[in-house]
């Protein structure tokens, strides 16, 4: 049984969380949606550390990032499906 590299909490999320050390670009990730235990695969287009986010779809500047079914911030630079999502392309809407 293959272990997942990415967990998605809610089926409406547009990011998943890396759950392995040192995810590398080019990895065909096994992704598990914890809400219903469904699975899919996704190609990592960039490396990302454990606990960081990966985009599940293409998202444009000004779009919202949804994690845990909640809006967690605004995209400040376009993000392609499979790319690392972090402070370089995502900002909080609080300030």
C-alpha atoms as a PDB file:
ATOM      1  CA  UNK A   1       0.000   0.000   0.000  1.00  0.00           C
ATOM      2  CA  UNK A   2       1.401   3.354  -1.081  1.00  0.00           C
ATOM      3  CA  UNK A   3       1.459   6.178   1.473  1.00  0.00           C
ATOM      4  CA  UNK A   4       0.036   9.580   0.532  1.00  0.00           C
ATOM      5  CA  UNK A   5       2.321  12.560  -0.030  1.00  0.00           C
ATOM      6  CA  UNK A   6      -0.494  15.133   0.057  1.00  0.00           C
ATOM      7  CA  UNK A   7      -3.611  15.425   2.218  1.00  0.00           C
ATOM      8  CA  UNK A   8      -6.663  17.436   1.201  1.00  0.00           C
ATOM      9  CA  UNK A   9      -9.060  18.110   4.058  1.00  0.00           C
ATOM     10  CA  UNK A  10     -12.233  19.196   2.255  1.00  0.00           C
ATOM     11  CA  UNK A  11     -13.306  18.288  -1.278  1.00  0.00           C
ATOM     12  CA  UNK A  12     -13.805  22.008  -2.007  1.00  0.00           C
ATOM     13  CA  UNK A  13     -10.187  22.889  -1.103  1.00  0.00           C
ATOM     14  CA  UNK A  14      -7.891  24.122  -3.857  1.00  0.00           C
ATOM     15  CA  UNK A  15      -4.712  23.217  -1.949  1.00  0.00           C
ATOM     16  CA  UNK A  16      -3.410  20.142  -0.189  1.00  0.00           C
ATOM     17  CA  UNK A  17      -0.812  19.792   2.571  1.00  0.00           C
ATOM     18  CA  UNK A  18       2.503  18.012   2.030  1.00  0.00           C
ATOM     19  CA  UNK A  19       2.832  15.154   4.535  1.00  0.00           C
ATOM     20  CA  UNK A  20       6.301  13.815   3.614  1.00  0.00           C
ATOM     21  CA  UNK A  21       9.768  15.226   4.179  1.00  0.00           C
ATOM     22  CA  UNK A  22      11.309  17.048   1.219  1.00  0.00           C
ATOM     23  CA  UNK A  23       8.735  16.592  -1.525  1.00  0.00           C
ATOM     24  CA  UNK A  24      10.638  17.070  -4.782  1.00  0.00           C
ATOM     25  CA  UNK A  25       9.615  18.535  -8.110  1.00  0.00           C
ATOM     26  CA  UNK A  26       8.493  15.847 -10.531  1.00  0.00           C
ATOM     27  CA  UNK A  27       7.002  13.541  -7.879  1.00  0.00           C
ATOM     28  CA  UNK A  28       3.724  11.897  -8.902  1.00  0.00           C
ATOM     29  CA  UNK A  29       1.957  12.412  -5.561  1.00  0.00           C
ATOM     30  CA  UNK A  30      -0.710  10.182  -4.106  1.00  0.00           C
ATOM     31  CA  UNK A  31      -3.299  12.610  -2.703  1.00  0.00           C
ATOM     32  CA  UNK A  32      -5.991  11.612  -0.198  1.00  0.00           C
ATOM     33  CA  UNK A  33      -9.105  13.656   0.581  1.00  0.00           C
ATOM     34  CA  UNK A  34      -9.699  13.081   4.302  1.00  0.00           C
ATOM     35  CA  UNK A  35     -13.355  14.171   4.080  1.00  0.00           C
ATOM     36  CA  UNK A  36     -14.324  11.059   2.108  1.00  0.00           C
ATOM     37  CA  UNK A  37     -11.068   9.050   1.899  1.00  0.00           C
ATOM     38  CA  UNK A  38     -10.980   9.386  -1.912  1.00  0.00           C
ATOM     39  CA  UNK A  39      -7.668   9.375  -3.774  1.00  0.00           C
ATOM     40  CA  UNK A  40      -6.147  10.996  -6.850  1.00  0.00           C
ATOM     41  CA  UNK A  41      -2.669  11.668  -8.216  1.00  0.00           C
ATOM     42  CA  UNK A  42      -1.028  15.005  -8.950  1.00  0.00           C
ATOM     43  CA  UNK A  43       2.384  15.920 -10.362  1.00  0.00           C
ATOM     44  CA  UNK A  44       4.444  18.183  -8.088  1.00  0.00           C
ATOM     45  CA  UNK A  45       5.672  21.050 -10.287  1.00  0.00           C
ATOM     46  CA  UNK A  46       7.891  22.396  -7.517  1.00  0.00           C
ATOM     47  CA  UNK A  47       9.541  21.092  -4.368  1.00  0.00           C
ATOM     48  CA  UNK A  48       7.921  21.840  -0.994  1.00  0.00           C
ATOM     49  CA  UNK A  49       8.712  21.049   2.639  1.00  0.00           C
ATOM     50  CA  UNK A  50       6.446  19.052   4.924  1.00  0.00           C
ATOM     51  CA  UNK A  51       3.459  21.084   6.145  1.00  0.00           C
ATOM     52  CA  UNK A  52       3.444  23.424   3.141  1.00  0.00           C
ATOM     53  CA  UNK A  53       0.684  23.659   0.539  1.00  0.00           C
ATOM     54  CA  UNK A  54       0.486  22.530  -3.097  1.00  0.00           C
ATOM     55  CA  UNK A  55      -2.115  23.940  -5.519  1.00  0.00           C
ATOM     56  CA  UNK A  56      -4.688  21.417  -6.755  1.00  0.00           C
ATOM     57  CA  UNK A  57      -5.815  23.690  -9.615  1.00  0.00           C
ATOM     58  CA  UNK A  58      -4.483  26.705 -11.473  1.00  0.00           C
ATOM     59  CA  UNK A  59      -5.261  29.831  -9.439  1.00  0.00           C
ATOM     60  CA  UNK A  60      -4.898  33.416 -10.593  1.00  0.00           C
ATOM     61  CA  UNK A  61      -3.875  36.630  -8.927  1.00  0.00           C
ATOM     62  CA  UNK A  62      -6.688  37.846  -6.664  1.00  0.00           C
ATOM     63  CA  UNK A  63      -8.239  34.372  -6.280  1.00  0.00           C
ATOM     64  CA  UNK A  64      -8.825  32.860  -2.844  1.00  0.00           C
ATOM     65  CA  UNK A  65      -6.997  29.839  -1.476  1.00  0.00           C
ATOM     66  CA  UNK A  66      -9.358  27.398   0.228  1.00  0.00           C
ATOM     67  CA  UNK A  67      -8.013  25.031   2.909  1.00  0.00           C
ATOM     68  CA  UNK A  68     -10.168  23.103   5.427  1.00  0.00           C
ATOM     69  CA  UNK A  69     -13.112  24.439   3.403  1.00  0.00           C
ATOM     70  CA  UNK A  70     -12.195  27.985   4.510  1.00  0.00           C
ATOM     71  CA  UNK A  71     -10.751  31.007   2.699  1.00  0.00           C
ATOM     72  CA  UNK A  72      -7.201  31.366   4.076  1.00  0.00           C
ATOM     73  CA  UNK A  73      -5.841  34.120   1.821  1.00  0.00           C
ATOM     74  CA  UNK A  74      -5.474  35.906  -1.500  1.00  0.00           C
ATOM     75  CA  UNK A  75      -3.206  34.843  -4.344  1.00  0.00           C
ATOM     76  CA  UNK A  76      -0.675  37.603  -5.196  1.00  0.00           C
ATOM     77  CA  UNK A  77       1.041  35.811  -8.107  1.00  0.00           C
ATOM     78  CA  UNK A  78      -0.416  33.159 -10.438  1.00  0.00           C
ATOM     79  CA  UNK A  79       0.008  29.581  -9.192  1.00  0.00           C
ATOM     80  CA  UNK A  80      -0.091  26.568 -11.496  1.00  0.00           C
ATOM     81  CA  UNK A  81      -1.607  23.242 -10.534  1.00  0.00           C
ATOM     82  CA  UNK A  82       1.069  21.294  -8.643  1.00  0.00           C
ATOM     83  CA  UNK A  83       3.096  24.329  -7.510  1.00  0.00           C
ATOM     84  CA  UNK A  84       4.153  25.288  -3.981  1.00  0.00           C
ATOM     85  CA  UNK A  85       1.790  27.749  -2.258  1.00  0.00           C
ATOM     86  CA  UNK A  86       3.393  29.884   0.448  1.00  0.00           C
ATOM     87  CA  UNK A  87       4.230  33.496   1.402  1.00  0.00           C
ATOM     88  CA  UNK A  88       5.769  34.238  -2.014  1.00  0.00           C
ATOM     89  CA  UNK A  89       2.397  33.841  -3.770  1.00  0.00           C
ATOM     90  CA  UNK A  90      -0.228  33.974  -0.975  1.00  0.00           C
ATOM     91  CA  UNK A  91      -1.096  36.751   1.473  1.00  0.00           C
ATOM     92  CA  UNK A  92      -3.593  36.967   4.306  1.00  0.00           C
ATOM     93  CA  UNK A  93      -6.720  39.051   3.806  1.00  0.00           C
ATOM     94  CA  UNK A  94      -6.612  40.235   7.421  1.00  0.00           C
ATOM     95  CA  UNK A  95      -4.342  43.237   6.782  1.00  0.00           C
END
